[in-house]
Amino acid sequence: MITKLQAVNNVLRRLGKLPVDALDTNGTSTHAHVERMIDDSATAVQGEGWYWNTKFDVEPPLDGDSKLNVSQLEAKDGGGYWNIYHVDTDYSESKNVVRKGDYLYDIDDNTFVFSGTVKVRYTYERDFAEIPDAFQNLIVSKASFNFNRYYLGNPSLEGALSLEMQSAQRLVNREEIRQADVDVLGTNNMSQIRGRPRSPYRSIY
């Protein structure tokens, strides 16, 4: 895993710029804009929801009004809470819910109030240093491509950056399959390609 500074320098290197010794967070320098682009790319990648930034089968406490504050599901070590990208009831629950503002809303009963506990699964933001390597590489490649497109406008770089981004996307998809132990042959899409399994005793056409 790399640090945010290393990520900034990786983007600068791809764009033919010199490396820097420190971040310029919220500044006006080129590498400050690169850091913002990395943050935007990190939000886009994490917001898709992956095995490493999703929690399952969680019973969060309700507040004093028996409401579930979605914005306070994942606490930061230094105080405050991480962004929640998506939240839903866990597979074991039979509730139809949606997020409205900071709270979870029960669509079936038309209420924010829950009786008892409710199990949820949610996708949340993680610190850049905690993002797995393959996904950091995707974020860097996306940031490089977008910075060139929106700031530099160098067409000679766009093709190479696009190919790198596509390669990084393939690697994260492969990593996700490994982490989630997905049986790719058992998915609905694969079944549509392969067709129904034949009966051991008779053919099915």
C-alpha atoms as a PDB file:
ATOM      1  CA  MET A   1       0.000   0.000   0.000  1.00  0.00           C
ATOM      2  CA  ILE A   2       1.147   3.533  -0.708  1.00  0.00           C
ATOM      3  CA  THR A   3       0.666   6.832   1.073  1.00  0.00           C
ATOM      4  CA  LYS A   4      -1.281   9.777  -0.316  1.00  0.00           C
ATOM      5  CA  LEU A   5       2.024  11.558  -1.074  1.00  0.00           C
ATOM      6  CA  GLN A   6       3.275   8.551  -3.031  1.00  0.00           C
ATOM      7  CA  ALA A   7      -0.020   8.477  -4.937  1.00  0.00           C
ATOM      8  CA  VAL A   8       0.362  12.166  -5.836  1.00  0.00           C
ATOM      9  CA  ASN A   9       3.889  11.563  -7.097  1.00  0.00           C
ATOM     10  CA  ASN A  10       2.742   8.528  -9.081  1.00  0.00           C
ATOM     11  CA  VAL A  11       0.196  10.732 -10.865  1.00  0.00           C
ATOM     12  CA  LEU A  12       2.766  13.488 -11.440  1.00  0.00           C
ATOM     13  CA  ARG A  13       5.219  10.967 -12.912  1.00  0.00           C
ATOM     14  CA  ARG A  14       2.590   9.685 -15.357  1.00  0.00           C
ATOM     15  CA  LEU A  15       1.954  13.259 -16.451  1.00  0.00           C
ATOM     16  CA  GLY A  16       5.636  14.089 -16.939  1.00  0.00           C
ATOM     17  CA  LYS A  17       5.850  16.297 -13.849  1.00  0.00           C
ATOM     18  CA  LEU A  18       8.544  16.410 -11.177  1.00  0.00           C
ATOM     19  CA  PRO A  19       7.845  14.740  -7.795  1.00  0.00           C
ATOM     20  CA  VAL A  20       7.200  16.762  -4.649  1.00  0.00           C
ATOM     21  CA  ASP A  21       8.424  16.311  -1.079  1.00  0.00           C
ATOM     22  CA  ALA A  22       5.163  17.112   0.727  1.00  0.00           C
ATOM     23  CA  LEU A  23       1.453  17.447   0.158  1.00  0.00           C
ATOM     24  CA  ASP A  24      -0.187  20.832  -0.393  1.00  0.00           C
ATOM     25  CA  THR A  25      -3.668  19.887   0.821  1.00  0.00           C
ATOM     26  CA  ASN A  26      -6.243  22.603   0.031  1.00  0.00           C
ATOM     27  CA  GLY A  27      -3.528  24.617  -1.716  1.00  0.00           C
ATOM     28  CA  THR A  28      -3.376  26.039  -5.232  1.00  0.00           C
ATOM     29  CA  SER A  29      -0.327  24.223  -6.574  1.00  0.00           C
ATOM     30  CA  THR A  30      -0.424  21.593  -9.314  1.00  0.00           C
ATOM     31  CA  HIS A  31       0.087  18.778  -6.827  1.00  0.00           C
ATOM     32  CA  ALA A  32      -2.710  20.164  -4.638  1.00  0.00           C
ATOM     33  CA  HIS A  33      -5.062  19.799  -7.607  1.00  0.00           C
ATOM     34  CA  VAL A  34      -3.673  16.306  -8.193  1.00  0.00           C
ATOM     35  CA  GLU A  35      -4.474  15.413  -4.586  1.00  0.00           C
ATOM     36  CA  ARG A  36      -8.059  16.628  -5.058  1.00  0.00           C
ATOM     37  CA  MET A  37      -8.340  14.500  -8.188  1.00  0.00           C
ATOM     38  CA  ILE A  38      -7.091  11.497  -6.221  1.00  0.00           C
ATOM     39  CA  ASP A  39      -9.711  12.151  -3.542  1.00  0.00           C
ATOM     40  CA  ASP A  40     -12.429  12.374  -6.198  1.00  0.00           C
ATOM     41  CA  SER A  41     -11.240   9.135  -7.794  1.00  0.00           C
ATOM     42  CA  ALA A  42     -11.086   7.412  -4.413  1.00  0.00           C
ATOM     43  CA  THR A  43     -14.680   8.417  -3.728  1.00  0.00           C
ATOM     44  CA  ALA A  44     -15.779   7.126  -7.144  1.00  0.00           C
ATOM     45  CA  VAL A  45     -14.013   3.781  -6.673  1.00  0.00           C
ATOM     46  CA  GLN A  46     -15.078   3.209  -3.075  1.00  0.00           C
ATOM     47  CA  GLY A  47     -18.636   4.286  -3.811  1.00  0.00           C
ATOM     48  CA  GLU A  48     -19.071   1.302  -6.141  1.00  0.00           C
ATOM     49  CA  GLY A  49     -18.958  -0.943  -3.074  1.00  0.00           C
ATOM     50  CA  TRP A  50     -16.415  -3.740  -2.695  1.00  0.00           C
ATOM     51  CA  TYR A  51     -15.899  -6.628  -0.335  1.00  0.00           C
ATOM     52  CA  TRP A  52     -13.168  -4.779   1.560  1.00  0.00           C
ATOM     53  CA  ASN A  53     -15.300  -1.700   2.333  1.00  0.00           C
ATOM     54  CA  THR A  54     -18.607  -3.412   3.070  1.00  0.00           C
ATOM     55  CA  LYS A  55     -19.804  -4.732   6.423  1.00  0.00           C
ATOM     56  CA  PHE A  56     -22.483  -7.393   6.707  1.00  0.00           C
ATOM     57  CA  ASP A  57     -24.885  -8.537   9.415  1.00  0.00           C
ATOM     58  CA  VAL A  58     -24.405  -5.461  11.631  1.00  0.00           C
ATOM     59  CA  GLU A  59     -26.874  -4.553  14.405  1.00  0.00           C
ATOM     60  CA  PRO A  60     -26.320  -0.810  14.944  1.00  0.00           C
ATOM     61  CA  PRO A  61     -27.862   0.816  18.000  1.00  0.00           C
ATOM     62  CA  LEU A  62     -30.958   2.943  17.524  1.00  0.00           C
ATOM     63  CA  ASP A  63     -31.072   6.471  18.894  1.00  0.00           C
ATOM     64  CA  GLY A  64     -33.385   7.658  21.645  1.00  0.00           C
ATOM     65  CA  ASP A  65     -36.262   7.985  19.166  1.00  0.00           C
ATOM     66  CA  SER A  66     -35.768   4.400  17.902  1.00  0.00           C
ATOM     67  CA  LYS A  67     -34.354   5.743  14.634  1.00  0.00           C
ATOM     68  CA  LEU A  68     -31.245   4.476  12.849  1.00  0.00           C
ATOM     69  CA  ASN A  69     -28.763   7.251  12.072  1.00  0.00           C
ATOM     70  CA  VAL A  70     -27.041   6.005   8.919  1.00  0.00           C
ATOM     71  CA  SER A  71     -24.374   8.724   8.969  1.00  0.00           C
ATOM     72  CA  GLN A  72     -23.024   7.331  12.256  1.00  0.00           C
ATOM     73  CA  LEU A  73     -22.561   3.693  11.301  1.00  0.00           C
ATOM     74  CA  GLU A  74     -18.773   3.757  10.926  1.00  0.00           C
ATOM     75  CA  ALA A  75     -16.701   5.776  13.415  1.00  0.00           C
ATOM     76  CA  LYS A  76     -13.248   7.208  12.702  1.00  0.00           C
ATOM     77  CA  ASP A  77     -10.414   6.475  15.112  1.00  0.00           C
ATOM     78  CA  GLY A  78      -9.749  10.181  15.567  1.00  0.00           C
ATOM     79  CA  GLY A  79     -13.388  11.127  16.042  1.00  0.00           C
ATOM     80  CA  GLY A  80     -16.236  11.717  13.663  1.00  0.00           C
ATOM     81  CA  TYR A  81     -17.645   9.238  11.152  1.00  0.00           C
ATOM     82  CA  TRP A  82     -16.735   7.904   7.739  1.00  0.00           C
ATOM     83  CA  ASN A  83     -19.008   8.526   4.764  1.00  0.00           C
ATOM     84  CA  ILE A  84     -21.610   5.825   4.126  1.00  0.00           C
ATOM     85  CA  TYR A  85     -22.086   5.178   0.405  1.00  0.00           C
ATOM     86  CA  HIS A  86     -24.859   2.614   0.562  1.00  0.00           C
ATOM     87  CA  VAL A  87     -26.903   0.949   3.285  1.00  0.00           C
ATOM     88  CA  ASP A  88     -29.590  -1.699   3.206  1.00  0.00           C
ATOM     89  CA  THR A  89     -31.029  -4.313   5.509  1.00  0.00           C
ATOM     90  CA  ASP A  90     -29.048  -7.538   5.635  1.00  0.00           C
ATOM     91  CA  TYR A  91     -30.132 -10.603   3.684  1.00  0.00           C
ATOM     92  CA  SER A  92     -31.607 -12.152   6.837  1.00  0.00           C
ATOM     93  CA  GLU A  93     -34.072  -9.254   7.240  1.00  0.00           C
ATOM     94  CA  SER A  94     -37.399  -8.983   5.415  1.00  0.00           C
ATOM     95  CA  LYS A  95     -37.675  -5.192   5.463  1.00  0.00           C
ATOM     96  CA  ASN A  96     -37.811  -2.789   2.544  1.00  0.00           C
ATOM     97  CA  VAL A  97     -35.826   0.276   3.494  1.00  0.00           C
ATOM     98  CA  VAL A  98     -34.263   3.332   1.911  1.00  0.00           C
ATOM     99  CA  ARG A  99     -31.941   6.033   3.153  1.00  0.00           C
ATOM    100  CA  LYS A 100     -33.540   9.450   3.636  1.00  0.00           C
ATOM    101  CA  GLY A 101     -31.053  12.059   4.751  1.00  0.00           C
ATOM    102  CA  ASP A 102     -29.141  10.705   7.737  1.00  0.00           C
ATOM    103  CA  TYR A 103     -31.735   8.080   8.651  1.00  0.00           C
ATOM    104  CA  LEU A 104     -32.982   4.727   7.443  1.00  0.00           C
ATOM    105  CA  TYR A 105     -36.636   4.723   6.407  1.00  0.00           C
ATOM    106  CA  ASP A 106     -38.958   1.695   6.550  1.00  0.00           C
ATOM    107  CA  ILE A 107     -40.874   1.722   3.250  1.00  0.00           C
ATOM    108  CA  ASP A 108     -43.317  -1.004   4.260  1.00  0.00           C
ATOM    109  CA  ASP A 109     -44.475   0.784   7.416  1.00  0.00           C
ATOM    110  CA  ASN A 110     -43.807   4.349   6.206  1.00  0.00           C
ATOM    111  CA  THR A 111     -41.781   5.277   9.271  1.00  0.00           C
ATOM    112  CA  PHE A 112     -38.297   6.116  10.485  1.00  0.00           C
ATOM    113  CA  VAL A 113     -38.999   4.251  13.743  1.00  0.00           C
ATOM    114  CA  PHE A 114     -37.863   0.647  14.178  1.00  0.00           C
ATOM    115  CA  SER A 115     -39.034  -1.725  16.888  1.00  0.00           C
ATOM    116  CA  GLY A 116     -36.270  -3.901  18.281  1.00  0.00           C
ATOM    117  CA  THR A 117     -33.044  -4.329  16.350  1.00  0.00           C
ATOM    118  CA  VAL A 118     -32.428  -4.286  12.614  1.00  0.00           C
ATOM    119  CA  LYS A 119     -29.500  -5.921  10.839  1.00  0.00           C
ATOM    120  CA  VAL A 120     -27.900  -3.933   8.046  1.00  0.00           C
ATOM    121  CA  ARG A 121     -25.086  -4.175   5.535  1.00  0.00           C
ATOM    122  CA  TYR A 122     -23.353  -1.018   4.387  1.00  0.00           C
ATOM    123  CA  THR A 123     -20.557   0.267   2.179  1.00  0.00           C
ATOM    124  CA  TYR A 124     -18.363   2.912   3.765  1.00  0.00           C
ATOM    125  CA  GLU A 125     -15.363   5.135   3.078  1.00  0.00           C
ATOM    126  CA  ARG A 126     -11.947   3.959   4.199  1.00  0.00           C
ATOM    127  CA  ASP A 127      -8.748   5.920   4.653  1.00  0.00           C
ATOM    128  CA  PHE A 128      -6.525   5.968   1.558  1.00  0.00           C
ATOM    129  CA  ALA A 129      -3.765   4.081   3.380  1.00  0.00           C
ATOM    130  CA  GLU A 130      -6.221   1.227   4.114  1.00  0.00           C
ATOM    131  CA  ILE A 131      -7.321   0.737   0.501  1.00  0.00           C
ATOM    132  CA  PRO A 132      -5.910  -2.484  -1.020  1.00  0.00           C
ATOM    133  CA  ASP A 133      -3.019  -2.115  -3.469  1.00  0.00           C
ATOM    134  CA  ALA A 134      -4.929  -2.994  -6.647  1.00  0.00           C
ATOM    135  CA  PHE A 135      -7.611  -0.436  -5.837  1.00  0.00           C
ATOM    136  CA  GLN A 136      -5.041   2.251  -5.019  1.00  0.00           C
ATOM    137  CA  ASN A 137      -3.524   1.627  -8.450  1.00  0.00           C
ATOM    138  CA  LEU A 138      -6.963   2.050 -10.035  1.00  0.00           C
ATOM    139  CA  ILE A 139      -7.466   5.320  -8.157  1.00  0.00           C
ATOM    140  CA  VAL A 140      -4.061   6.598  -9.319  1.00  0.00           C
ATOM    141  CA  SER A 141      -4.758   5.625 -12.920  1.00  0.00           C
ATOM    142  CA  LYS A 142      -8.217   7.266 -12.843  1.00  0.00           C
ATOM    143  CA  ALA A 143      -6.778  10.428 -11.285  1.00  0.00           C
ATOM    144  CA  SER A 144      -4.026  10.555 -13.932  1.00  0.00           C
ATOM    145  CA  PHE A 145      -6.502  10.113 -16.779  1.00  0.00           C
ATOM    146  CA  ASN A 146      -8.938  12.707 -15.412  1.00  0.00           C
ATOM    147  CA  PHE A 147      -6.243  15.259 -14.579  1.00  0.00           C
ATOM    148  CA  ASN A 148      -4.903  15.033 -18.098  1.00  0.00           C
ATOM    149  CA  ARG A 149      -8.387  15.306 -19.593  1.00  0.00           C
ATOM    150  CA  TYR A 150      -9.626  18.224 -17.469  1.00  0.00           C
ATOM    151  CA  TYR A 151      -6.410  20.189 -16.798  1.00  0.00           C
ATOM    152  CA  LEU A 152      -3.653  19.350 -19.281  1.00  0.00           C
ATOM    153  CA  GLY A 153      -5.563  18.324 -22.378  1.00  0.00           C
ATOM    154  CA  ASN A 154      -2.616  16.375 -23.792  1.00  0.00           C
ATOM    155  CA  PRO A 155      -4.040  13.974 -26.410  1.00  0.00           C
ATOM    156  CA  SER A 156      -0.748  12.089 -26.717  1.00  0.00           C
ATOM    157  CA  LEU A 157      -1.100  10.937 -23.083  1.00  0.00           C
ATOM    158  CA  GLU A 158      -4.765  10.001 -23.163  1.00  0.00           C
ATOM    159  CA  GLY A 159      -4.399   6.693 -25.018  1.00  0.00           C
ATOM    160  CA  ALA A 160      -1.717   5.311 -22.710  1.00  0.00           C
ATOM    161  CA  LEU A 161      -3.535   6.496 -19.582  1.00  0.00           C
ATOM    162  CA  SER A 162      -6.784   4.963 -20.814  1.00  0.00           C
ATOM    163  CA  LEU A 163      -5.126   1.571 -21.416  1.00  0.00           C
ATOM    164  CA  GLU A 164      -3.536   1.694 -17.961  1.00  0.00           C
ATOM    165  CA  MET A 165      -6.898   2.486 -16.384  1.00  0.00           C
ATOM    166  CA  GLN A 166      -8.549  -0.446 -18.177  1.00  0.00           C
ATOM    167  CA  SER A 167      -5.778  -2.791 -17.022  1.00  0.00           C
ATOM    168  CA  ALA A 168      -6.143  -1.564 -13.435  1.00  0.00           C
ATOM    169  CA  GLN A 169      -9.915  -2.155 -13.625  1.00  0.00           C
ATOM    170  CA  ARG A 170      -9.366  -5.769 -14.694  1.00  0.00           C
ATOM    171  CA  LEU A 171      -7.021  -6.322 -11.766  1.00  0.00           C
ATOM    172  CA  VAL A 172      -9.468  -4.975  -9.196  1.00  0.00           C
ATOM    173  CA  ASN A 173     -12.240  -7.155 -10.622  1.00  0.00           C
ATOM    174  CA  ARG A 174      -9.974 -10.175 -10.270  1.00  0.00           C
ATOM    175  CA  GLU A 175      -9.036  -9.141  -6.726  1.00  0.00           C
ATOM    176  CA  GLU A 176     -12.697  -8.739  -5.793  1.00  0.00           C
ATOM    177  CA  ILE A 177     -13.470 -12.252  -7.023  1.00  0.00           C
ATOM    178  CA  ARG A 178     -10.613 -13.626  -4.908  1.00  0.00           C
ATOM    179  CA  GLN A 179     -11.646 -11.770  -1.767  1.00  0.00           C
ATOM    180  CA  ALA A 180     -15.349 -12.543  -2.033  1.00  0.00           C
ATOM    181  CA  ASP A 181     -14.781 -16.178  -3.082  1.00  0.00           C
ATOM    182  CA  VAL A 182     -17.200 -15.692  -5.969  1.00  0.00           C
ATOM    183  CA  ASP A 183     -18.112 -18.788  -7.987  1.00  0.00           C
ATOM    184  CA  VAL A 184     -18.084 -17.136 -11.417  1.00  0.00           C
ATOM    185  CA  LEU A 185     -19.447 -20.314 -13.067  1.00  0.00           C
ATOM    186  CA  GLY A 186     -22.489 -20.207 -10.806  1.00  0.00           C
ATOM    187  CA  THR A 187     -23.564 -16.653 -11.528  1.00  0.00           C
ATOM    188  CA  ASN A 188     -26.775 -15.845 -13.392  1.00  0.00           C
ATOM    189  CA  ASN A 189     -24.837 -14.284 -16.269  1.00  0.00           C
ATOM    190  CA  MET A 190     -22.768 -17.424 -16.741  1.00  0.00           C
ATOM    191  CA  SER A 191     -25.889 -19.584 -16.610  1.00  0.00           C
ATOM    192  CA  GLN A 192     -27.397 -17.523 -19.422  1.00  0.00           C
ATOM    193  CA  ILE A 193     -24.302 -18.068 -21.528  1.00  0.00           C
ATOM    194  CA  ARG A 194     -23.955 -21.764 -20.721  1.00  0.00           C
ATOM    195  CA  GLY A 195     -27.664 -22.622 -20.697  1.00  0.00           C
ATOM    196  CA  ARG A 196     -29.478 -24.955 -18.312  1.00  0.00           C
ATOM    197  CA  PRO A 197     -27.612 -28.056 -17.120  1.00  0.00           C
ATOM    198  CA  ARG A 198     -28.666 -31.254 -18.871  1.00  0.00           C
ATOM    199  CA  SER A 199     -30.543 -33.921 -16.956  1.00  0.00           C
ATOM    200  CA  PRO A 200     -28.413 -37.037 -16.289  1.00  0.00           C
ATOM    201  CA  TYR A 201     -31.282 -39.173 -17.593  1.00  0.00           C
ATOM    202  CA  ARG A 202     -32.627 -37.240 -20.581  1.00  0.00           C
ATOM    203  CA  SER A 203     -31.728 -34.380 -22.855  1.00  0.00           C
ATOM    204  CA  ILE A 204     -33.392 -31.003 -22.403  1.00  0.00           C
ATOM    205  CA  TYR A 205     -33.561 -28.823 -25.493  1.00  0.00           C
END
